[in-house]
Amino acid sequence: MIWGAWYLAGRFEGYDCSTCSKSKELKKARGCHERAPNPLFSTDEFGKIWRCPIKLIPGSVSPICQIYQKCRSPVFGHKKPGDEKPSLLGYKPNGILPNAGGLLDQSATLLMVLNWLDRKIIEVIG
């Protein structure tokens, strides 16, 4: 689930399976199917990452990330000179919930996961 938070925090920008599928060299360099020749990046929590970060997101987490993106809206800071785009500050609820009805009609597990992702994304963004 932590990799889902990293993905939602924008840390895997530039990693897109549709671009890698056209180049065997890019797949090898990014560790798509096997360990990359060089680490792709490093984290304090997990050390060196040798595989494509998108591949680190379990299949069971992808739908949760999609639900999160539908239930939350990104909040961006001001664009600084030289930046390509404004920095992501976090997400805020946008009033859309996956199940019909109000907040009390959502499962406790779903609400717990959305809140956990909120906290983790803020940690990752730093």
C-alpha atoms as a PDB file:
ATOM      1  CA  MET A   1       0.000   0.000   0.000  1.00  0.00           C
ATOM      2  CA  ILE A   2       2.927   2.361   0.653  1.00  0.00           C
ATOM      3  CA  TRP A   3       3.854   2.275  -3.043  1.00  0.00           C
ATOM      4  CA  GLY A   4       0.297   3.365  -3.854  1.00  0.00           C
ATOM      5  CA  ALA A   5       0.833   6.410  -1.615  1.00  0.00           C
ATOM      6  CA  TRP A   6       4.117   7.144  -3.390  1.00  0.00           C
ATOM      7  CA  TYR A   7       2.339   6.891  -6.743  1.00  0.00           C
ATOM      8  CA  LEU A   8      -0.459   9.223  -5.622  1.00  0.00           C
ATOM      9  CA  ALA A   9       2.132  11.665  -4.268  1.00  0.00           C
ATOM     10  CA  GLY A  10       3.604  11.942  -7.763  1.00  0.00           C
ATOM     11  CA  ARG A  11       6.891  10.222  -6.968  1.00  0.00           C
ATOM     12  CA  PHE A  12       6.643   7.863  -9.950  1.00  0.00           C
ATOM     13  CA  GLU A  13       6.072  10.530 -12.576  1.00  0.00           C
ATOM     14  CA  GLY A  14       7.646   9.573 -15.867  1.00  0.00           C
ATOM     15  CA  TYR A  15       7.147   5.863 -15.286  1.00  0.00           C
ATOM     16  CA  ASP A  16       4.433   4.862 -17.714  1.00  0.00           C
ATOM     17  CA  CYS A  17       4.012   1.321 -18.998  1.00  0.00           C
ATOM     18  CA  SER A  18       2.717   2.598 -22.345  1.00  0.00           C
ATOM     19  CA  THR A  19       6.024   4.372 -23.073  1.00  0.00           C
ATOM     20  CA  CYS A  20       8.209   1.470 -21.947  1.00  0.00           C
ATOM     21  CA  SER A  21       6.319  -1.116 -23.985  1.00  0.00           C
ATOM     22  CA  LYS A  22       7.844   0.325 -27.155  1.00  0.00           C
ATOM     23  CA  SER A  23      11.476  -0.023 -26.095  1.00  0.00           C
ATOM     24  CA  LYS A  24      13.284  -3.142 -24.876  1.00  0.00           C
ATOM     25  CA  GLU A  25      16.225  -0.997 -23.727  1.00  0.00           C
ATOM     26  CA  LEU A  26      13.965   1.214 -21.635  1.00  0.00           C
ATOM     27  CA  LYS A  27      12.276  -1.841 -20.082  1.00  0.00           C
ATOM     28  CA  LYS A  28      15.679  -3.232 -19.111  1.00  0.00           C
ATOM     29  CA  ALA A  29      16.972   0.109 -17.773  1.00  0.00           C
ATOM     30  CA  ARG A  30      13.841   0.613 -15.657  1.00  0.00           C
ATOM     31  CA  GLY A  31      13.653  -2.921 -14.313  1.00  0.00           C
ATOM     32  CA  CYS A  32      10.333  -3.777 -15.881  1.00  0.00           C
ATOM     33  CA  HIS A  33      10.725  -7.566 -15.880  1.00  0.00           C
ATOM     34  CA  GLU A  34      13.961  -8.034 -13.977  1.00  0.00           C
ATOM     35  CA  ARG A  35      16.316  -6.098 -11.758  1.00  0.00           C
ATOM     36  CA  ALA A  36      17.633  -2.944 -13.461  1.00  0.00           C
ATOM     37  CA  PRO A  37      21.390  -2.667 -14.066  1.00  0.00           C
ATOM     38  CA  ASN A  38      21.493   0.406 -11.784  1.00  0.00           C
ATOM     39  CA  PRO A  39      19.211   1.491  -8.933  1.00  0.00           C
ATOM     40  CA  LEU A  40      16.345   3.681 -10.158  1.00  0.00           C
ATOM     41  CA  PHE A  41      16.136   5.668  -6.926  1.00  0.00           C
ATOM     42  CA  SER A  42      16.681   5.285  -3.218  1.00  0.00           C
ATOM     43  CA  THR A  43      14.438   5.774  -0.187  1.00  0.00           C
ATOM     44  CA  ASP A  44      15.242   6.087   3.501  1.00  0.00           C
ATOM     45  CA  GLU A  45      12.611   3.483   4.300  1.00  0.00           C
ATOM     46  CA  PHE A  46      13.411   0.844   1.646  1.00  0.00           C
ATOM     47  CA  GLY A  47      16.921   1.629   0.409  1.00  0.00           C
ATOM     48  CA  LYS A  48      17.779   1.222  -3.264  1.00  0.00           C
ATOM     49  CA  ILE A  49      14.950   0.422  -5.660  1.00  0.00           C
ATOM     50  CA  TRP A  50      16.000  -1.758  -8.590  1.00  0.00           C
ATOM     51  CA  ARG A  51      12.596  -2.492 -10.184  1.00  0.00           C
ATOM     52  CA  CYS A  52      10.097  -0.272 -11.948  1.00  0.00           C
ATOM     53  CA  PRO A  53       8.121   1.450  -9.182  1.00  0.00           C
ATOM     54  CA  ILE A  54       4.839   0.848 -11.015  1.00  0.00           C
ATOM     55  CA  LYS A  55       5.573  -2.895 -10.792  1.00  0.00           C
ATOM     56  CA  LEU A  56       5.944  -2.508  -7.010  1.00  0.00           C
ATOM     57  CA  ILE A  57       2.276  -1.535  -6.648  1.00  0.00           C
ATOM     58  CA  PRO A  58       0.335  -4.754  -5.986  1.00  0.00           C
ATOM     59  CA  GLY A  59      -2.646  -5.417  -8.244  1.00  0.00           C
ATOM     60  CA  SER A  60      -4.931  -5.254  -5.212  1.00  0.00           C
ATOM     61  CA  VAL A  61      -3.794  -1.677  -4.482  1.00  0.00           C
ATOM     62  CA  SER A  62      -4.367  -0.231  -7.966  1.00  0.00           C
ATOM     63  CA  PRO A  63      -8.181  -0.109  -7.601  1.00  0.00           C
ATOM     64  CA  ILE A  64      -7.757   1.603  -4.225  1.00  0.00           C
ATOM     65  CA  CYS A  65      -5.568   4.261  -5.870  1.00  0.00           C
ATOM     66  CA  GLN A  66      -8.244   4.762  -8.529  1.00  0.00           C
ATOM     67  CA  ILE A  67     -10.959   5.137  -5.871  1.00  0.00           C
ATOM     68  CA  TYR A  68      -8.744   7.571  -3.965  1.00  0.00           C
ATOM     69  CA  GLN A  69      -8.228   9.698  -7.080  1.00  0.00           C
ATOM     70  CA  LYS A  70     -12.007   9.833  -7.643  1.00  0.00           C
ATOM     71  CA  CYS A  71     -12.771  10.713  -3.997  1.00  0.00           C
ATOM     72  CA  ARG A  72     -10.033  13.306  -3.523  1.00  0.00           C
ATOM     73  CA  SER A  73      -8.861  16.366  -5.443  1.00  0.00           C
ATOM     74  CA  PRO A  74      -5.195  17.344  -5.597  1.00  0.00           C
ATOM     75  CA  VAL A  75      -4.093  20.579  -3.931  1.00  0.00           C
ATOM     76  CA  PHE A  76      -1.161  22.325  -5.595  1.00  0.00           C
ATOM     77  CA  GLY A  77       1.155  25.026  -4.304  1.00  0.00           C
ATOM     78  CA  HIS A  78       2.356  28.011  -6.276  1.00  0.00           C
ATOM     79  CA  LYS A  79       4.539  27.306  -9.284  1.00  0.00           C
ATOM     80  CA  LYS A  80       8.113  28.370  -8.575  1.00  0.00           C
ATOM     81  CA  PRO A  81      10.356  29.858 -11.290  1.00  0.00           C
ATOM     82  CA  GLY A  82      12.063  27.064 -13.206  1.00  0.00           C
ATOM     83  CA  ASP A  83       9.521  24.426 -12.122  1.00  0.00           C
ATOM     84  CA  GLU A  84       7.656  22.567 -14.820  1.00  0.00           C
ATOM     85  CA  LYS A  85       4.463  22.599 -12.764  1.00  0.00           C
ATOM     86  CA  PRO A  86       3.289  23.540  -9.271  1.00  0.00           C
ATOM     87  CA  SER A  87       4.153  21.209  -6.414  1.00  0.00           C
ATOM     88  CA  LEU A  88       1.560  18.833  -5.004  1.00  0.00           C
ATOM     89  CA  LEU A  89       0.659  19.761  -1.426  1.00  0.00           C
ATOM     90  CA  GLY A  90      -1.773  16.912  -0.795  1.00  0.00           C
ATOM     91  CA  TYR A  91      -5.358  15.961  -1.493  1.00  0.00           C
ATOM     92  CA  LYS A  92      -8.680  17.163  -0.121  1.00  0.00           C
ATOM     93  CA  PRO A  93     -12.062  15.413  -0.145  1.00  0.00           C
ATOM     94  CA  ASN A  94     -14.100  16.459  -3.170  1.00  0.00           C
ATOM     95  CA  GLY A  95     -17.515  15.232  -2.021  1.00  0.00           C
ATOM     96  CA  ILE A  96     -17.559  12.191  -4.286  1.00  0.00           C
ATOM     97  CA  LEU A  97     -17.854   8.838  -2.534  1.00  0.00           C
ATOM     98  CA  PRO A  98     -17.667   5.413  -4.197  1.00  0.00           C
ATOM     99  CA  ASN A  99     -20.883   4.085  -2.664  1.00  0.00           C
ATOM    100  CA  ALA A 100     -24.281   5.711  -3.105  1.00  0.00           C
ATOM    101  CA  GLY A 101     -25.375   7.765  -0.125  1.00  0.00           C
ATOM    102  CA  GLY A 102     -23.471   9.782   2.414  1.00  0.00           C
ATOM    103  CA  LEU A 103     -20.433   9.275   4.590  1.00  0.00           C
ATOM    104  CA  LEU A 104     -22.228   6.818   6.879  1.00  0.00           C
ATOM    105  CA  ASP A 105     -23.040   4.591   3.900  1.00  0.00           C
ATOM    106  CA  GLN A 106     -19.331   3.978   3.191  1.00  0.00           C
ATOM    107  CA  SER A 107     -17.549   1.007   4.714  1.00  0.00           C
ATOM    108  CA  ALA A 108     -15.356   1.673   7.734  1.00  0.00           C
ATOM    109  CA  THR A 109     -12.458  -0.062   5.967  1.00  0.00           C
ATOM    110  CA  LEU A 110     -12.701   2.209   2.933  1.00  0.00           C
ATOM    111  CA  LEU A 111     -12.741   5.346   5.091  1.00  0.00           C
ATOM    112  CA  MET A 112      -9.791   4.029   7.100  1.00  0.00           C
ATOM    113  CA  VAL A 113      -7.789   3.373   3.903  1.00  0.00           C
ATOM    114  CA  LEU A 114      -8.592   6.811   2.453  1.00  0.00           C
ATOM    115  CA  ASN A 115      -7.503   8.490   5.695  1.00  0.00           C
ATOM    116  CA  TRP A 116      -4.337   6.364   5.855  1.00  0.00           C
ATOM    117  CA  LEU A 117      -3.475   7.361   2.282  1.00  0.00           C
ATOM    118  CA  ASP A 118      -4.063  11.025   3.188  1.00  0.00           C
ATOM    119  CA  ARG A 119      -1.500  10.772   5.997  1.00  0.00           C
ATOM    120  CA  LYS A 120       1.051   8.759   3.986  1.00  0.00           C
ATOM    121  CA  ILE A 121       0.895  11.091   0.980  1.00  0.00           C
ATOM    122  CA  ILE A 122       1.619  14.073   3.237  1.00  0.00           C
ATOM    123  CA  GLU A 123       4.604  12.149   4.706  1.00  0.00           C
ATOM    124  CA  VAL A 124       5.927  11.294   1.235  1.00  0.00           C
ATOM    125  CA  ILE A 125       5.515  14.839  -0.043  1.00  0.00           C
ATOM    126  CA  GLY A 126       7.302  16.018   3.070  1.00  0.00           C
END
